[in-house]
Protein backbone atom coordinates (compact mmCIF):
# COMPACT_ATOMS: atom_id res chain seq x y z
CA UNK A 1 108.96 140.67 75.40
CA UNK A 2 109.12 136.93 74.77
CA UNK A 3 111.91 135.63 72.57
CA UNK A 4 110.69 132.07 71.97
CA UNK A 5 107.65 130.83 70.09
CA UNK A 6 106.55 128.80 73.09
CA UNK A 7 106.80 131.83 75.37
CA UNK A 8 104.73 133.90 72.93
CA UNK A 9 102.12 131.15 72.85
CA UNK A 10 102.02 131.02 76.66
CA UNK A 11 101.43 134.78 76.72
CA UNK A 12 98.49 134.43 74.32
CA UNK A 13 97.03 131.54 76.32
CA UNK A 14 97.42 133.40 79.60
CA UNK A 15 95.62 136.45 78.23
CA UNK A 16 92.69 134.28 77.10
CA UNK A 17 92.50 132.36 80.38
CA UNK A 18 92.71 135.58 82.39
CA UNK A 19 89.76 137.01 80.49
CA UNK A 20 87.68 133.86 81.02
CA UNK A 21 88.58 133.64 84.70
CA UNK A 22 87.76 137.30 85.33
CA UNK A 23 84.36 136.82 83.72
CA UNK A 24 83.78 133.72 85.84
CA UNK A 25 84.69 135.45 89.11
CA UNK A 26 82.53 138.44 88.17
CA UNK A 27 79.58 136.13 87.49
CA UNK A 28 80.08 134.42 90.86
CA UNK A 29 80.19 137.78 92.64
CA UNK A 30 76.90 138.75 90.98
CA UNK A 31 75.21 135.59 92.25
CA UNK A 32 76.51 136.20 95.78
CA UNK A 33 75.35 139.81 95.67
CA UNK A 34 71.82 138.66 94.76
CA UNK A 35 71.77 136.43 97.85
CA UNK A 36 73.18 139.17 100.08
CA UNK A 37 70.66 141.67 98.70
CA UNK A 38 67.78 139.32 99.44
CA UNK A 39 69.12 138.80 102.97
CA UNK A 40 69.39 142.58 103.47
CA UNK A 41 65.79 143.07 102.37
CA UNK A 42 64.67 140.37 104.80
CA UNK A 43 62.96 138.20 102.18
CA UNK A 44 63.71 134.65 103.32
CA UNK A 45 62.13 132.83 100.37
CA UNK A 46 63.89 135.04 97.79
CA UNK A 47 67.18 134.62 99.67
CA UNK A 48 66.77 130.85 99.74
CA UNK A 49 66.00 130.79 96.02
CA UNK A 50 68.99 132.99 95.21
CA UNK A 51 71.17 130.79 97.43
CA UNK A 52 70.08 127.69 95.51
CA UNK A 53 71.19 129.27 92.25
CA UNK A 54 74.43 130.66 93.70
CA UNK A 55 75.59 127.41 95.27
CA UNK A 56 76.39 125.48 92.05
CA UNK A 57 77.95 128.61 90.57
CA UNK A 58 80.34 128.91 93.52
CA UNK A 59 81.23 125.21 93.35
CA UNK A 60 81.87 125.56 89.63
CA UNK A 61 84.36 128.28 90.50
CA UNK A 62 86.16 125.76 92.70
CA UNK A 63 86.26 123.09 90.00
CA UNK A 64 87.54 125.62 87.43
CA UNK A 65 90.27 126.74 89.82
CA UNK A 66 89.33 130.40 90.27
CA UNK A 67 88.34 130.06 93.93
CA UNK A 68 89.67 127.95 96.79
CA UNK A 69 87.44 125.19 98.13
CA UNK A 70 87.60 126.37 101.74
CA UNK A 71 86.81 129.96 100.76
CA UNK A 72 83.66 128.82 98.97
CA UNK A 73 82.66 126.51 101.82
CA UNK A 74 83.04 129.35 104.31
CA UNK A 75 81.03 131.73 102.11
CA UNK A 76 78.23 129.22 101.61
CA UNK A 77 78.13 128.44 105.32
CA UNK A 78 77.87 132.11 106.28
CA UNK A 79 75.17 132.81 103.69
CA UNK A 80 73.20 129.76 104.81
CA UNK A 81 73.43 130.82 108.46
CA UNK A 82 72.28 134.34 107.55
CA UNK A 83 69.27 132.94 105.67
CA UNK A 84 68.34 130.67 108.60
CA UNK A 85 68.54 133.65 110.96
CA UNK A 86 65.84 135.53 108.98
């Protein structure tokens, strides 16, 4: 348990940030799953549309610091290649 006021405050802030970040990552995963589902079904236009909506969401994750830039770039590249292959 924290003994200083500042440490207690940091604990409160961390709990709030953790909750927000978990929600953000969960939202990103949902967008990616929509794209992957459309790719699985073989619907190129739906996959492209889902990809367009997922792309800014993934980049927002980078700017908010919940995902690494290279991880997102790799994911987007692989999804794009999968859509082109349809």
